[in-house]
Protein backbone atom coordinates (compact mmCIF):
# COMPACT_ATOMS: atom_id res chain seq x y z
CA MET A 1 4.64 -17.32 8.46
CA PHE A 2 3.22 -14.41 6.41
CA PHE A 3 -0.66 -14.24 5.76
CA PHE A 4 -2.68 -11.79 3.64
CA LEU A 5 -5.69 -10.12 5.03
CA MET A 6 -8.28 -8.92 2.65
CA ILE A 7 -10.87 -6.53 3.93
CA ARG A 8 -14.00 -6.08 1.90
CA ARG A 9 -17.20 -4.45 2.64
CA PRO A 10 -20.15 -6.77 2.56
CA PRO A 11 -22.87 -6.60 -0.19
CA ARG A 12 -25.95 -4.70 1.11
CA SER A 13 -28.36 -6.84 2.86
CA THR A 14 -31.34 -7.87 0.88
CA GLN A 15 -32.82 -9.47 3.95
CA SER A 16 -35.84 -8.15 5.83
CA ARG A 17 -35.54 -5.42 8.27
CA SER A 18 -35.65 -7.86 11.28
CA SER A 19 -32.25 -9.08 10.44
CA ALA A 20 -30.63 -5.58 10.52
CA ALA A 21 -29.81 -5.84 14.21
CA SER A 22 -28.11 -9.19 13.42
CA ASP A 23 -26.21 -7.44 10.62
CA VAL A 24 -25.05 -4.80 13.01
CA TYR A 25 -23.99 -7.27 15.67
CA LYS A 26 -21.80 -9.41 12.84
CA ARG A 27 -20.34 -6.38 11.78
CA GLN A 28 -19.58 -5.21 15.17
CA GLU A 29 -17.81 -8.95 15.65
CA LEU A 30 -15.82 -8.62 12.44
CA GLU A 31 -14.72 -5.10 13.44
CA SER A 32 -13.84 -6.18 16.88
CA ALA A 33 -11.73 -9.10 15.36
CA GLY A 34 -10.16 -6.85 12.87
CA PHE A 35 -8.99 -4.42 15.61
CA SER A 36 -7.60 -7.30 17.71
CA VAL A 37 -5.13 -8.20 15.10
CA LEU A 38 -3.89 -4.73 14.11
CA ARG A 39 -1.04 -4.89 16.24
CA ASP A 40 0.14 -7.80 13.95
CA THR A 41 -0.63 -5.75 10.69
CA ALA A 42 1.30 -3.79 8.21
CA PHE A 43 -0.45 -1.52 5.60
CA VAL A 44 0.96 -1.61 1.89
CA LEU A 45 0.53 0.90 -1.04
CA VAL A 46 1.99 -0.04 -4.42
CA ALA A 47 3.05 3.47 -5.78
CA GLY A 48 5.15 2.66 -8.67
CA GLY A 49 3.13 4.54 -11.32
CA LEU A 50 2.96 8.06 -12.76
CA GLY A 51 -0.31 9.87 -13.28
CA GLU A 52 0.18 10.70 -16.97
CA ARG A 53 -2.55 8.38 -17.93
CA LEU A 54 -5.05 9.88 -15.62
CA GLY A 55 -4.06 13.64 -17.18
CA TYR A 56 -1.82 14.37 -13.97
CA ASN A 57 1.71 15.72 -14.28
CA GLY A 58 3.17 13.84 -11.15
CA ILE A 59 3.17 10.68 -9.14
CA LYS A 60 -0.54 8.95 -8.58
CA VAL A 61 0.02 9.22 -4.74
CA GLN A 62 0.15 12.81 -5.22
CA ILE A 63 -3.32 13.12 -6.99
CA PRO A 64 -6.07 15.13 -4.97
CA ILE A 65 -8.71 12.96 -3.86
CA ASP A 66 -11.00 15.87 -3.92
CA THR A 67 -11.31 19.56 -5.24
CA VAL A 68 -12.31 21.33 -2.21
CA THR A 69 -9.22 20.51 0.21
CA GLU A 70 -6.94 19.06 -2.57
CA THR A 71 -5.82 16.40 -0.03
CA CYS A 72 -3.52 14.24 -1.89
CA PHE A 73 -4.20 10.45 -1.76
CA LEU A 74 -1.04 9.46 0.23
CA ASN A 75 -2.32 11.90 3.12
CA TYR A 76 -5.76 10.27 2.94
CA TYR A 77 -4.29 6.66 3.36
CA ALA A 78 -1.64 7.99 6.14
CA GLN A 79 -4.73 9.55 7.95
CA TYR A 80 -6.88 6.46 7.99
CA ILE A 81 -3.75 4.43 9.38
CA LEU A 82 -3.37 7.16 11.89
CA ALA A 83 -6.93 6.81 13.05
CA PHE A 84 -6.82 2.97 13.25
CA GLN A 85 -3.62 3.63 15.31
CA ARG A 86 -5.78 5.68 17.57
CA LYS A 87 -9.11 3.85 17.90
CA SER A 88 -7.42 0.23 18.47
CA ASN A 89 -4.87 1.89 21.21
CA ALA A 90 -2.07 0.19 19.33
CA SER A 91 0.96 -0.52 21.65
CA ARG A 92 3.13 0.31 18.51
CA ASP A 93 2.83 2.39 15.34
CA LEU A 94 1.08 0.61 12.60
CA PRO A 95 3.79 0.29 9.80
CA LEU A 96 3.15 1.45 6.11
CA ALA A 97 5.15 -0.16 3.50
CA ILE A 98 5.18 1.72 0.27
CA MET A 99 6.42 0.21 -3.09
CA THR A 100 8.19 2.77 -5.50
CA SER A 101 9.79 2.61 -8.73
CA ASP A 102 12.60 4.49 -10.56
CA ASP A 103 9.79 6.71 -11.80
CA THR A 104 8.37 7.65 -8.42
CA HIS A 105 11.05 6.82 -5.86
CA SER A 106 12.55 10.30 -5.36
CA GLN A 107 9.35 12.19 -5.61
CA THR A 108 7.40 9.72 -3.04
CA VAL A 109 10.30 10.55 -0.57
CA LYS A 110 10.13 14.34 -1.28
CA LEU A 111 6.51 14.36 -0.79
CA LEU A 112 6.65 12.70 2.42
CA GLU A 113 9.44 14.88 3.72
CA GLU A 114 7.93 18.04 2.61
CA ASN A 115 4.64 17.01 4.47
CA ASN A 116 6.25 15.72 7.63
CA TYR A 117 5.20 12.10 6.68
CA PHE A 118 1.53 13.37 6.85
CA GLY A 119 1.88 12.94 10.72
CA MET A 120 3.28 9.45 10.73
CA LYS A 121 6.60 8.79 12.35
CA LYS A 122 9.53 8.41 9.77
CA ASP A 123 10.34 5.04 11.10
CA GLN A 124 7.02 3.75 10.72
CA ILE A 125 7.23 4.02 6.93
CA PHE A 126 9.18 1.77 4.89
CA ILE A 127 9.87 2.70 1.42
CA MET A 128 10.75 -0.30 -1.06
CA LYS A 129 11.91 0.23 -4.55
CA GLN A 130 10.89 -2.47 -6.96
CA GLU A 131 13.92 -3.51 -9.45
CA LYS A 132 13.86 -3.56 -12.96
CA VAL A 133 13.67 -6.71 -15.11
CA PRO A 134 14.51 -7.42 -18.80
CA ALA A 135 11.21 -6.40 -20.93
CA MET A 136 9.49 -9.00 -23.23
CA ILE A 137 7.94 -7.95 -26.33
CA ASP A 138 5.76 -11.04 -27.05
CA ASN A 139 4.60 -14.16 -25.52
CA ASP A 140 7.52 -16.22 -27.13
CA ALA A 141 9.77 -14.30 -24.43
CA HIS A 142 11.68 -12.20 -27.04
CA PHE A 143 13.49 -9.39 -25.48
CA ALA A 144 12.88 -5.77 -26.09
CA LEU A 145 16.12 -4.11 -27.38
CA ARG A 146 16.55 -0.27 -27.05
CA PRO A 147 16.79 1.17 -30.58
CA ASP A 148 19.60 3.45 -29.81
CA ASP A 149 22.14 0.83 -28.30
CA LEU A 150 20.23 -2.28 -29.00
CA GLU A 151 20.82 -3.32 -25.13
CA ILE A 152 18.23 -5.04 -23.51
CA GLU A 153 15.31 -2.57 -22.24
CA THR A 154 14.16 -3.07 -18.77
CA LYS A 155 10.86 -2.07 -17.05
CA PRO A 156 9.66 -2.12 -13.55
CA HIS A 157 9.28 -5.56 -12.34
CA GLY A 158 5.38 -4.83 -11.25
CA HIS A 159 3.01 -5.41 -8.87
CA GLY A 160 4.15 -8.77 -8.13
CA ASP A 161 7.46 -7.62 -6.78
CA VAL A 162 5.56 -6.18 -3.72
CA HIS A 163 5.44 -9.45 -2.02
CA THR A 164 9.10 -10.12 -2.21
CA LEU A 165 10.00 -6.66 -1.16
CA LEU A 166 7.60 -6.67 1.57
CA TYR A 167 8.89 -10.10 2.98
CA LEU A 168 12.52 -8.68 2.83
CA SER A 169 12.13 -5.23 4.36
CA LEU A 170 9.47 -5.91 6.99
CA ILE A 171 9.63 -9.66 7.73
CA HIS A 172 13.09 -11.18 7.05
CA ILE A 173 15.86 -8.55 7.02
CA SER A 174 14.47 -6.94 10.32
CA GLU A 175 13.57 -10.21 11.90
CA PRO A 176 16.37 -10.04 14.82
CA THR A 177 15.67 -6.46 15.76
CA ARG A 178 12.00 -5.97 14.90
CA GLN A 179 9.88 -5.32 17.85
CA ALA A 180 6.61 -6.90 16.71
CA GLU A 181 5.38 -9.57 14.48
CA ILE A 182 3.93 -8.93 10.87
CA SER A 183 1.08 -11.42 10.30
CA TYR A 184 -1.23 -9.42 8.10
CA ALA A 185 -1.00 -7.12 5.36
CA VAL A 186 -3.72 -4.86 4.24
CA PHE A 187 -3.17 -3.59 0.80
CA CYS A 188 -4.58 -0.35 -0.25
CA LEU A 189 -6.64 -0.92 -3.65
CA LYS A 190 -7.31 1.77 -6.00
CA LYS A 191 -10.03 1.75 -8.42
CA LYS A 192 -9.28 2.24 -12.02
């Protein structure tokens, strides 16, 4: 069975100062519960898009997160996973599943290889390329045709494909040989 874990920062407390200790205790309990299931967790990054809409000439996961260190987003995310791994004393490497597209696949692989997988082991990163599906032009399900040869235009399947790809690459296909159960997935969400 496969479950999804959504971690969300709780809103700031509007309660009195006397409940501050209670809030700290609740957060410690939640953190402890989270660390107890890390060994059953995979991290997921949807990385099928280019950065042209953001004014960046390349893949989104390569965009620097700050102007001082110019650390790219993928490195930043990998460092968080490695920190979780260290803090939890995980008995195995925490897997990272990256969903790419035709537009980003080779550039993502190249970024990882050129940066020695940002300190992660090559075999703890699973790259899943989303398939293409026929493109629709309206709500009546008319297919988009390429103007040059009138063949049906195809587009990447989109974010919805991540669930199928995740199941096939981390859960089902590797089932006889996998070393640990994967029961939770933590998705990296990027603000628009």
